[in-house]
Amino acid sequence: MESLSQEERLVRLMDYLQQHQRVTAGTICELFNVSRDTARRDIVRLVESGNVIRTRGGVMLPRLTKEVSVYKERLFLESAGKREIGQIAADLVKDGDYVIFDASTTVHFAAQCLEAEDVTVVTNAIDVASVLADKDGVTVHLLGGTLNGKHRFLYGAATLQKLSEYQVDKLFLGACGITADGISYPYEEDGAVKREMIHHADQVILLADSTKFGKRLFHRISGLDSIDMVITDKEPDEAMTQVLNDHDIEVIVAKKG
């Protein structure tokens, strides 16, 4: 390999980390044909950048995602893929179904695409309720509670109490993070509502674009054993596919175009 400057190595190391999550000093030596002292200096620079975490013998990308964009920003982020996921989800709703829609932007697109008749929807999402209010064939039960204005969901004791009165055919659940350990969200109050939703649905359908795989957030609400189906925009990687297969989770991939 040609001799690279430290800055060039650091750029390539960040690319490597995006694919492999972690790197050791020994691997750096092999990748760039440099000494172990040089590899250690590269590791120090990576740690100083604040983008990686120091581990024994190397560095890794942080596994805990801490920042989630506000609802309206997420609604337009990668909206094409989310709309295709939403269309597939909406097609799964049959005439006469009772369903729960949670407060996620991908589920928002499912609500927009919904065409089934005589459908009863329970939701804690004020924007989903607004979308469905314009559909003649849908009856909406908007859960009460405290409003999180930034992320547009209702939560709290009143939400959980009202939710406990319902039983539905299908739950359409958005995801912020999906790993082998389960699904996770940044906010405990929202997660508590989602966990209760899972308990009141015969079938749990997770809507998740491909960026959600491999992410872990603060509040884990459930293991993968609670999920029946995942609708996404790209095939998960081989390891995640195996995990989903091990849990007998059906995966539907939206085909763009």
C-alpha atoms as a PDB file:
ATOM      1  CA  MET A   1       0.000   0.000   0.000  1.00  0.00           C
ATOM      2  CA  GLU A   2       1.163   3.508  -0.766  1.00  0.00           C
ATOM      3  CA  SER A   3       2.377   5.610   2.154  1.00  0.00           C
ATOM      4  CA  LEU A   4      -0.530   7.635   3.552  1.00  0.00           C
ATOM      5  CA  SER A   5      -0.562  10.647   5.804  1.00  0.00           C
ATOM      6  CA  GLN A   6      -2.201  10.317   9.203  1.00  0.00           C
ATOM      7  CA  GLU A   7      -5.211  12.346   8.032  1.00  0.00           C
ATOM      8  CA  GLU A   8      -5.692  10.002   5.088  1.00  0.00           C
ATOM      9  CA  ARG A   9      -5.436   6.967   7.361  1.00  0.00           C
ATOM     10  CA  LEU A  10      -7.988   8.445   9.755  1.00  0.00           C
ATOM     11  CA  VAL A  11     -10.493   8.964   6.945  1.00  0.00           C
ATOM     12  CA  ARG A  12     -10.045   5.374   5.800  1.00  0.00           C
ATOM     13  CA  LEU A  13     -10.258   4.108   9.371  1.00  0.00           C
ATOM     14  CA  MET A  14     -13.632   5.826   9.847  1.00  0.00           C
ATOM     15  CA  ASP A  15     -14.826   4.144   6.643  1.00  0.00           C
ATOM     16  CA  TYR A  16     -13.572   0.821   8.015  1.00  0.00           C
ATOM     17  CA  LEU A  17     -15.391   1.412  11.311  1.00  0.00           C
ATOM     18  CA  GLN A  18     -18.649   2.157   9.520  1.00  0.00           C
ATOM     19  CA  GLN A  19     -18.457  -1.333   8.034  1.00  0.00           C
ATOM     20  CA  HIS A  20     -16.927  -3.312  10.903  1.00  0.00           C
ATOM     21  CA  GLN A  21     -17.846  -1.294  14.048  1.00  0.00           C
ATOM     22  CA  ARG A  22     -14.419  -1.774  15.683  1.00  0.00           C
ATOM     23  CA  VAL A  23     -10.714  -1.894  14.837  1.00  0.00           C
ATOM     24  CA  THR A  24      -7.613  -2.960  16.764  1.00  0.00           C
ATOM     25  CA  ALA A  25      -4.096  -1.603  16.657  1.00  0.00           C
ATOM     26  CA  GLY A  26      -2.988  -4.838  15.012  1.00  0.00           C
ATOM     27  CA  THR A  27      -5.530  -4.430  12.253  1.00  0.00           C
ATOM     28  CA  ILE A  28      -4.373  -0.849  11.650  1.00  0.00           C
ATOM     29  CA  CYS A  29      -0.814  -2.140  11.272  1.00  0.00           C
ATOM     30  CA  GLU A  30      -1.965  -4.685   8.695  1.00  0.00           C
ATOM     31  CA  LEU A  31      -4.225  -2.306   6.782  1.00  0.00           C
ATOM     32  CA  PHE A  32      -1.645   0.426   6.337  1.00  0.00           C
ATOM     33  CA  ASN A  33       1.674  -1.372   6.837  1.00  0.00           C
ATOM     34  CA  VAL A  34       2.608   0.891   9.751  1.00  0.00           C
ATOM     35  CA  SER A  35       4.295   0.294  13.090  1.00  0.00           C
ATOM     36  CA  ARG A  36       2.370  -0.358  16.301  1.00  0.00           C
ATOM     37  CA  ASP A  37       3.460   3.056  17.640  1.00  0.00           C
ATOM     38  CA  THR A  38       1.945   4.707  14.566  1.00  0.00           C
ATOM     39  CA  ALA A  39      -1.248   2.686  15.030  1.00  0.00           C
ATOM     40  CA  ARG A  40      -1.466   3.829  18.662  1.00  0.00           C
ATOM     41  CA  ARG A  41      -1.079   7.461  17.586  1.00  0.00           C
ATOM     42  CA  ASP A  42      -3.909   6.975  15.085  1.00  0.00           C
ATOM     43  CA  ILE A  43      -6.068   5.526  17.842  1.00  0.00           C
ATOM     44  CA  VAL A  44      -5.361   8.525  20.072  1.00  0.00           C
ATOM     45  CA  ARG A  45      -6.406  10.905  17.273  1.00  0.00           C
ATOM     46  CA  LEU A  46      -9.618   8.961  16.671  1.00  0.00           C
ATOM     47  CA  VAL A  47     -10.504   9.076  20.366  1.00  0.00           C
ATOM     48  CA  GLU A  48      -9.740  12.803  20.539  1.00  0.00           C
ATOM     49  CA  SER A  49     -12.174  13.383  17.656  1.00  0.00           C
ATOM     50  CA  GLY A  50     -15.023  12.248  19.909  1.00  0.00           C
ATOM     51  CA  ASN A  51     -16.453   9.912  17.262  1.00  0.00           C
ATOM     52  CA  VAL A  52     -15.205   6.620  18.727  1.00  0.00           C
ATOM     53  CA  ILE A  53     -14.828   4.865  22.073  1.00  0.00           C
ATOM     54  CA  ARG A  54     -11.504   3.501  23.329  1.00  0.00           C
ATOM     55  CA  THR A  55     -11.502  -0.255  23.891  1.00  0.00           C
ATOM     56  CA  ARG A  56      -8.862  -2.722  24.955  1.00  0.00           C
ATOM     57  CA  GLY A  57      -6.443  -2.795  22.046  1.00  0.00           C
ATOM     58  CA  GLY A  58      -8.351  -0.458  19.758  1.00  0.00           C
ATOM     59  CA  VAL A  59     -11.504   1.612  19.241  1.00  0.00           C
ATOM     60  CA  MET A  60     -15.159   1.058  18.333  1.00  0.00           C
ATOM     61  CA  LEU A  61     -18.087   3.136  17.196  1.00  0.00           C
ATOM     62  CA  PRO A  62     -20.536   4.018  19.974  1.00  0.00           C
ATOM     63  CA  ARG A  63     -23.360   1.483  20.101  1.00  0.00           C
ATOM     64  CA  LEU A  64     -25.775   3.729  21.981  1.00  0.00           C
ATOM     65  CA  THR A  65     -27.594   6.258  19.786  1.00  0.00           C
ATOM     66  CA  LYS A  66     -28.506   9.315  21.864  1.00  0.00           C
ATOM     67  CA  GLU A  67     -29.938  11.855  19.455  1.00  0.00           C
ATOM     68  CA  VAL A  68     -33.232  11.513  17.589  1.00  0.00           C
ATOM     69  CA  SER A  69     -34.450  14.269  15.264  1.00  0.00           C
ATOM     70  CA  VAL A  70     -37.755  15.951  16.004  1.00  0.00           C
ATOM     71  CA  TYR A  71     -40.850  14.393  14.429  1.00  0.00           C
ATOM     72  CA  LYS A  72     -41.269  16.859  11.570  1.00  0.00           C
ATOM     73  CA  GLU A  73     -37.618  16.496  10.542  1.00  0.00           C
ATOM     74  CA  ARG A  74     -37.854  12.698  10.613  1.00  0.00           C
ATOM     75  CA  LEU A  75     -41.026  12.821   8.545  1.00  0.00           C
ATOM     76  CA  PHE A  76     -39.073  14.138   5.560  1.00  0.00           C
ATOM     77  CA  LEU A  77     -35.819  12.257   6.179  1.00  0.00           C
ATOM     78  CA  GLU A  78     -35.575   9.346   3.710  1.00  0.00           C
ATOM     79  CA  SER A  79     -39.291   9.825   3.081  1.00  0.00           C
ATOM     80  CA  ALA A  80     -39.298   7.788  -0.162  1.00  0.00           C
ATOM     81  CA  GLY A  81     -38.229   4.580   1.563  1.00  0.00           C
ATOM     82  CA  LYS A  82     -40.561   5.206   4.478  1.00  0.00           C
ATOM     83  CA  ARG A  83     -43.497   5.802   2.134  1.00  0.00           C
ATOM     84  CA  GLU A  84     -42.895   2.456   0.414  1.00  0.00           C
ATOM     85  CA  ILE A  85     -42.765   0.714   3.782  1.00  0.00           C
ATOM     86  CA  GLY A  86     -45.943   2.531   4.772  1.00  0.00           C
ATOM     87  CA  GLN A  87     -47.725   1.436   1.596  1.00  0.00           C
ATOM     88  CA  ILE A  88     -46.941  -2.229   2.244  1.00  0.00           C
ATOM     89  CA  ALA A  89     -48.111  -1.852   5.851  1.00  0.00           C
ATOM     90  CA  ALA A  90     -51.349  -0.162   4.774  1.00  0.00           C
ATOM     91  CA  ASP A  91     -52.047  -3.001   2.336  1.00  0.00           C
ATOM     92  CA  LEU A  92     -51.939  -5.456   5.262  1.00  0.00           C
ATOM     93  CA  VAL A  93     -54.926  -3.746   6.883  1.00  0.00           C
ATOM     94  CA  LYS A  94     -58.124  -5.465   5.781  1.00  0.00           C
ATOM     95  CA  ASP A  95     -61.707  -4.226   5.831  1.00  0.00           C
ATOM     96  CA  GLY A  96     -63.097  -4.466   9.348  1.00  0.00           C
ATOM     97  CA  ASP A  97     -59.700  -4.662  11.086  1.00  0.00           C
ATOM     98  CA  TYR A  98     -58.992  -3.222  14.515  1.00  0.00           C
ATOM     99  CA  VAL A  99     -55.437  -1.842  14.607  1.00  0.00           C
ATOM    100  CA  ILE A 100     -53.040   0.261  16.665  1.00  0.00           C
ATOM    101  CA  PHE A 101     -50.799   2.833  15.005  1.00  0.00           C
ATOM    102  CA  ASP A 102     -47.972   4.107  17.189  1.00  0.00           C
ATOM    103  CA  ALA A 103     -46.322   7.518  16.983  1.00  0.00           C
ATOM    104  CA  SER A 104     -43.596   7.008  14.401  1.00  0.00           C
ATOM    105  CA  THR A 105     -43.017   8.731  11.083  1.00  0.00           C
ATOM    106  CA  THR A 106     -42.990   5.478   9.105  1.00  0.00           C
ATOM    107  CA  VAL A 107     -46.343   4.536  10.628  1.00  0.00           C
ATOM    108  CA  HIS A 108     -47.514   8.044   9.670  1.00  0.00           C
ATOM    109  CA  PHE A 109     -47.007   7.048   6.013  1.00  0.00           C
ATOM    110  CA  ALA A 110     -48.976   3.842   6.604  1.00  0.00           C
ATOM    111  CA  ALA A 111     -51.853   5.986   7.852  1.00  0.00           C
ATOM    112  CA  GLN A 112     -51.651   8.178   4.750  1.00  0.00           C
ATOM    113  CA  CYS A 113     -51.773   5.121   2.473  1.00  0.00           C
ATOM    114  CA  LEU A 114     -54.608   3.360   4.308  1.00  0.00           C
ATOM    115  CA  GLU A 115     -57.488   2.458   1.976  1.00  0.00           C
ATOM    116  CA  ALA A 116     -59.324  -0.318   3.832  1.00  0.00           C
ATOM    117  CA  GLU A 117     -62.906   0.328   4.922  1.00  0.00           C
ATOM    118  CA  ASP A 118     -64.627  -0.022   8.292  1.00  0.00           C
ATOM    119  CA  VAL A 119     -61.284   0.108  10.116  1.00  0.00           C
ATOM    120  CA  THR A 120     -60.974   1.048  13.789  1.00  0.00           C
ATOM    121  CA  VAL A 121     -57.641   2.643  14.732  1.00  0.00           C
ATOM    122  CA  VAL A 122     -56.255   3.264  18.218  1.00  0.00           C
ATOM    123  CA  THR A 123     -53.308   5.668  18.357  1.00  0.00           C
ATOM    124  CA  ASN A 124     -51.306   7.932  20.658  1.00  0.00           C
ATOM    125  CA  ALA A 125     -50.016   9.956  17.681  1.00  0.00           C
ATOM    126  CA  ILE A 126     -51.740  13.288  17.130  1.00  0.00           C
ATOM    127  CA  ASP A 127     -50.487  13.554  13.536  1.00  0.00           C
ATOM    128  CA  VAL A 128     -51.658  10.047  12.678  1.00  0.00           C
ATOM    129  CA  ALA A 129     -55.077  10.879  14.122  1.00  0.00           C
ATOM    130  CA  SER A 130     -55.174  14.027  11.984  1.00  0.00           C
ATOM    131  CA  VAL A 131     -54.353  12.083   8.817  1.00  0.00           C
ATOM    132  CA  LEU A 132     -57.003   9.452   9.550  1.00  0.00           C
ATOM    133  CA  ALA A 133     -59.645  12.040  10.407  1.00  0.00           C
ATOM    134  CA  ASP A 134     -59.996  12.738   6.667  1.00  0.00           C
ATOM    135  CA  LYS A 135     -60.752   9.087   5.829  1.00  0.00           C
ATOM    136  CA  ASP A 136     -64.462   8.210   5.845  1.00  0.00           C
ATOM    137  CA  GLY A 137     -63.915   4.496   6.394  1.00  0.00           C
ATOM    138  CA  VAL A 138     -61.870   4.864   9.585  1.00  0.00           C
ATOM    139  CA  THR A 139     -62.936   5.328  13.209  1.00  0.00           C
ATOM    140  CA  VAL A 140     -60.173   6.825  15.357  1.00  0.00           C
ATOM    141  CA  HIS A 141     -59.696   6.355  19.101  1.00  0.00           C
ATOM    142  CA  LEU A 142     -57.074   8.928  20.139  1.00  0.00           C
ATOM    143  CA  LEU A 143     -55.558   7.974  23.459  1.00  0.00           C
ATOM    144  CA  GLY A 144     -55.487  10.722  26.049  1.00  0.00           C
ATOM    145  CA  GLY A 145     -52.539  11.699  28.211  1.00  0.00           C
ATOM    146  CA  THR A 146     -49.652  14.148  28.337  1.00  0.00           C
ATOM    147  CA  LEU A 147     -48.414  15.518  25.009  1.00  0.00           C
ATOM    148  CA  ASN A 148     -44.768  15.424  23.981  1.00  0.00           C
ATOM    149  CA  GLY A 149     -44.913  18.271  21.484  1.00  0.00           C
ATOM    150  CA  LYS A 150     -41.448  17.718  20.053  1.00  0.00           C
ATOM    151  CA  HIS A 151     -42.102  14.105  19.059  1.00  0.00           C
ATOM    152  CA  ARG A 152     -45.893  14.337  18.759  1.00  0.00           C
ATOM    153  CA  PHE A 153     -46.983  11.475  21.030  1.00  0.00           C
ATOM    154  CA  LEU A 154     -49.266  11.144  24.059  1.00  0.00           C
ATOM    155  CA  TYR A 155     -48.025   9.298  27.125  1.00  0.00           C
ATOM    156  CA  GLY A 156     -48.570   8.798  30.826  1.00  0.00           C
ATOM    157  CA  ALA A 157     -50.914   7.003  33.210  1.00  0.00           C
ATOM    158  CA  ALA A 158     -54.050   8.124  31.382  1.00  0.00           C
ATOM    159  CA  THR A 159     -52.663   6.788  28.079  1.00  0.00           C
ATOM    160  CA  LEU A 160     -51.818   3.413  29.574  1.00  0.00           C
ATOM    161  CA  GLN A 161     -55.166   3.147  31.354  1.00  0.00           C
ATOM    162  CA  LYS A 162     -57.171   3.775  28.196  1.00  0.00           C
ATOM    163  CA  LEU A 163     -54.960   1.500  26.140  1.00  0.00           C
ATOM    164  CA  SER A 164     -55.597  -1.362  28.580  1.00  0.00           C
ATOM    165  CA  GLU A 165     -59.266  -1.389  27.490  1.00  0.00           C
ATOM    166  CA  TYR A 166     -58.504  -2.379  23.879  1.00  0.00           C
ATOM    167  CA  GLN A 167     -57.553  -5.543  22.020  1.00  0.00           C
ATOM    168  CA  VAL A 168     -56.697  -5.320  18.307  1.00  0.00           C
ATOM    169  CA  ASP A 169     -55.832  -7.495  15.340  1.00  0.00           C
ATOM    170  CA  LYS A 170     -52.608  -5.727  14.355  1.00  0.00           C
ATOM    171  CA  LEU A 171     -50.107  -3.291  15.846  1.00  0.00           C
ATOM    172  CA  PHE A 172     -47.993  -1.197  13.487  1.00  0.00           C
ATOM    173  CA  LEU A 173     -44.928  -0.179  15.423  1.00  0.00           C
ATOM    174  CA  GLY A 174     -42.096   2.095  14.370  1.00  0.00           C
ATOM    175  CA  ALA A 175     -38.549   1.394  15.504  1.00  0.00           C
ATOM    176  CA  CYS A 176     -35.658   3.627  16.512  1.00  0.00           C
ATOM    177  CA  GLY A 177     -33.196   0.811  17.128  1.00  0.00           C
ATOM    178  CA  ILE A 178     -33.139  -2.918  16.332  1.00  0.00           C
ATOM    179  CA  THR A 179     -30.423  -5.288  17.531  1.00  0.00           C
ATOM    180  CA  ALA A 180     -30.267  -8.951  18.490  1.00  0.00           C
ATOM    181  CA  ASP A 181     -31.229  -7.817  21.996  1.00  0.00           C
ATOM    182  CA  GLY A 182     -34.544  -6.355  20.821  1.00  0.00           C
ATOM    183  CA  ILE A 183     -36.075  -3.001  19.950  1.00  0.00           C
ATOM    184  CA  SER A 184     -35.271   0.239  21.720  1.00  0.00           C
ATOM    185  CA  TYR A 185     -36.315   3.878  21.888  1.00  0.00           C
ATOM    186  CA  PRO A 186     -34.831   7.063  23.318  1.00  0.00           C
ATOM    187  CA  TYR A 187     -37.698   7.959  25.667  1.00  0.00           C
ATOM    188  CA  GLU A 188     -38.902   5.791  28.519  1.00  0.00           C
ATOM    189  CA  GLU A 189     -42.370   7.364  28.600  1.00  0.00           C
ATOM    190  CA  ASP A 190     -42.927   6.551  24.909  1.00  0.00           C
ATOM    191  CA  GLY A 191     -41.448   3.085  25.355  1.00  0.00           C
ATOM    192  CA  ALA A 192     -43.873   2.273  28.163  1.00  0.00           C
ATOM    193  CA  VAL A 193     -46.803   2.987  25.844  1.00  0.00           C
ATOM    194  CA  LYS A 194     -45.310   0.904  23.027  1.00  0.00           C
ATOM    195  CA  ARG A 195     -44.712  -2.012  25.394  1.00  0.00           C
ATOM    196  CA  GLU A 196     -48.367  -1.893  26.467  1.00  0.00           C
ATOM    197  CA  MET A 197     -49.432  -1.758  22.816  1.00  0.00           C
ATOM    198  CA  ILE A 198     -47.564  -5.006  22.166  1.00  0.00           C
ATOM    199  CA  HIS A 199     -49.544  -6.695  24.932  1.00  0.00           C
ATOM    200  CA  HIS A 200     -52.861  -5.756  23.312  1.00  0.00           C
ATOM    201  CA  ALA A 201     -52.273  -6.890  19.717  1.00  0.00           C
ATOM    202  CA  ASP A 202     -52.613 -10.320  18.134  1.00  0.00           C
ATOM    203  CA  GLN A 203     -49.951  -9.496  15.523  1.00  0.00           C
ATOM    204  CA  VAL A 204     -47.037  -7.069  15.930  1.00  0.00           C
ATOM    205  CA  ILE A 205     -45.672  -5.578  12.708  1.00  0.00           C
ATOM    206  CA  LEU A 206     -42.483  -3.532  12.941  1.00  0.00           C
ATOM    207  CA  LEU A 207     -41.886  -0.812  10.343  1.00  0.00           C
ATOM    208  CA  ALA A 208     -38.211   0.064  10.115  1.00  0.00           C
ATOM    209  CA  ASP A 209     -36.016   1.551   7.416  1.00  0.00           C
ATOM    210  CA  SER A 210     -32.564   0.008   7.105  1.00  0.00           C
ATOM    211  CA  THR A 211     -30.834   2.712   9.171  1.00  0.00           C
ATOM    212  CA  LYS A 212     -32.485   1.328  12.324  1.00  0.00           C
ATOM    213  CA  PHE A 213     -30.692  -2.037  12.232  1.00  0.00           C
ATOM    214  CA  GLY A 214     -27.712  -2.216  14.565  1.00  0.00           C
ATOM    215  CA  LYS A 215     -28.753   0.851  16.564  1.00  0.00           C
ATOM    216  CA  ARG A 216     -29.321   0.634  20.302  1.00  0.00           C
ATOM    217  CA  LEU A 217     -31.002   3.391  22.302  1.00  0.00           C
ATOM    218  CA  PHE A 218     -31.536   4.125  25.977  1.00  0.00           C
ATOM    219  CA  HIS A 219     -34.819   2.304  26.603  1.00  0.00           C
ATOM    220  CA  ARG A 220     -35.273  -1.319  25.515  1.00  0.00           C
ATOM    221  CA  ILE A 221     -38.952  -2.177  25.422  1.00  0.00           C
ATOM    222  CA  SER A 222     -39.004  -5.711  24.090  1.00  0.00           C
ATOM    223  CA  GLY A 223     -37.038  -8.639  22.810  1.00  0.00           C
ATOM    224  CA  LEU A 224     -37.469  -9.783  19.232  1.00  0.00           C
ATOM    225  CA  ASP A 225     -39.710 -12.614  20.398  1.00  0.00           C
ATOM    226  CA  SER A 226     -42.569 -10.085  20.555  1.00  0.00           C
ATOM    227  CA  ILE A 227     -42.303  -9.240  16.843  1.00  0.00           C
ATOM    228  CA  ASP A 228     -44.140 -11.188  14.139  1.00  0.00           C
ATOM    229  CA  MET A 229     -43.135  -9.270  11.007  1.00  0.00           C
ATOM    230  CA  VAL A 230     -40.647  -6.601   9.909  1.00  0.00           C
ATOM    231  CA  ILE A 231     -41.210  -4.369   6.885  1.00  0.00           C
ATOM    232  CA  THR A 232     -38.081  -2.554   5.733  1.00  0.00           C
ATOM    233  CA  ASP A 233     -36.566  -0.936   2.636  1.00  0.00           C
ATOM    234  CA  LYS A 234     -33.377  -3.016   2.334  1.00  0.00           C
ATOM    235  CA  GLU A 235     -32.315  -6.529   3.237  1.00  0.00           C
ATOM    236  CA  PRO A 236     -30.664  -6.592   6.690  1.00  0.00           C
ATOM    237  CA  ASP A 237     -27.071  -7.791   6.779  1.00  0.00           C
ATOM    238  CA  GLU A 238     -26.355 -11.498   7.072  1.00  0.00           C
ATOM    239  CA  ALA A 239     -25.974 -11.512  10.854  1.00  0.00           C
ATOM    240  CA  MET A 240     -29.223  -9.609  11.456  1.00  0.00           C
ATOM    241  CA  THR A 241     -31.057 -11.748   8.918  1.00  0.00           C
ATOM    242  CA  GLN A 242     -29.992 -14.851  10.822  1.00  0.00           C
ATOM    243  CA  VAL A 243     -31.189 -13.339  14.106  1.00  0.00           C
ATOM    244  CA  LEU A 244     -34.585 -12.529  12.598  1.00  0.00           C
ATOM    245  CA  ASN A 245     -34.837 -16.034  11.142  1.00  0.00           C
ATOM    246  CA  ASP A 246     -33.991 -17.527  14.528  1.00  0.00           C
ATOM    247  CA  HIS A 247     -36.993 -15.672  15.970  1.00  0.00           C
ATOM    248  CA  ASP A 248     -39.288 -16.783  13.114  1.00  0.00           C
ATOM    249  CA  ILE A 249     -39.870 -13.167  12.098  1.00  0.00           C
ATOM    250  CA  GLU A 250     -41.170 -12.670   8.572  1.00  0.00           C
ATOM    251  CA  VAL A 251     -39.244  -9.954   6.709  1.00  0.00           C
ATOM    252  CA  ILE A 252     -40.813  -8.004   3.846  1.00  0.00           C
ATOM    253  CA  VAL A 253     -38.512  -5.751   1.816  1.00  0.00           C
ATOM    254  CA  ALA A 254     -40.025  -2.841  -0.098  1.00  0.00           C
ATOM    255  CA  LYS A 255     -38.856  -2.832  -3.704  1.00  0.00           C
ATOM    256  CA  LYS A 256     -38.111   0.706  -4.862  1.00  0.00           C
ATOM    257  CA  GLY A 257     -39.242   1.945  -8.238  1.00  0.00           C
END
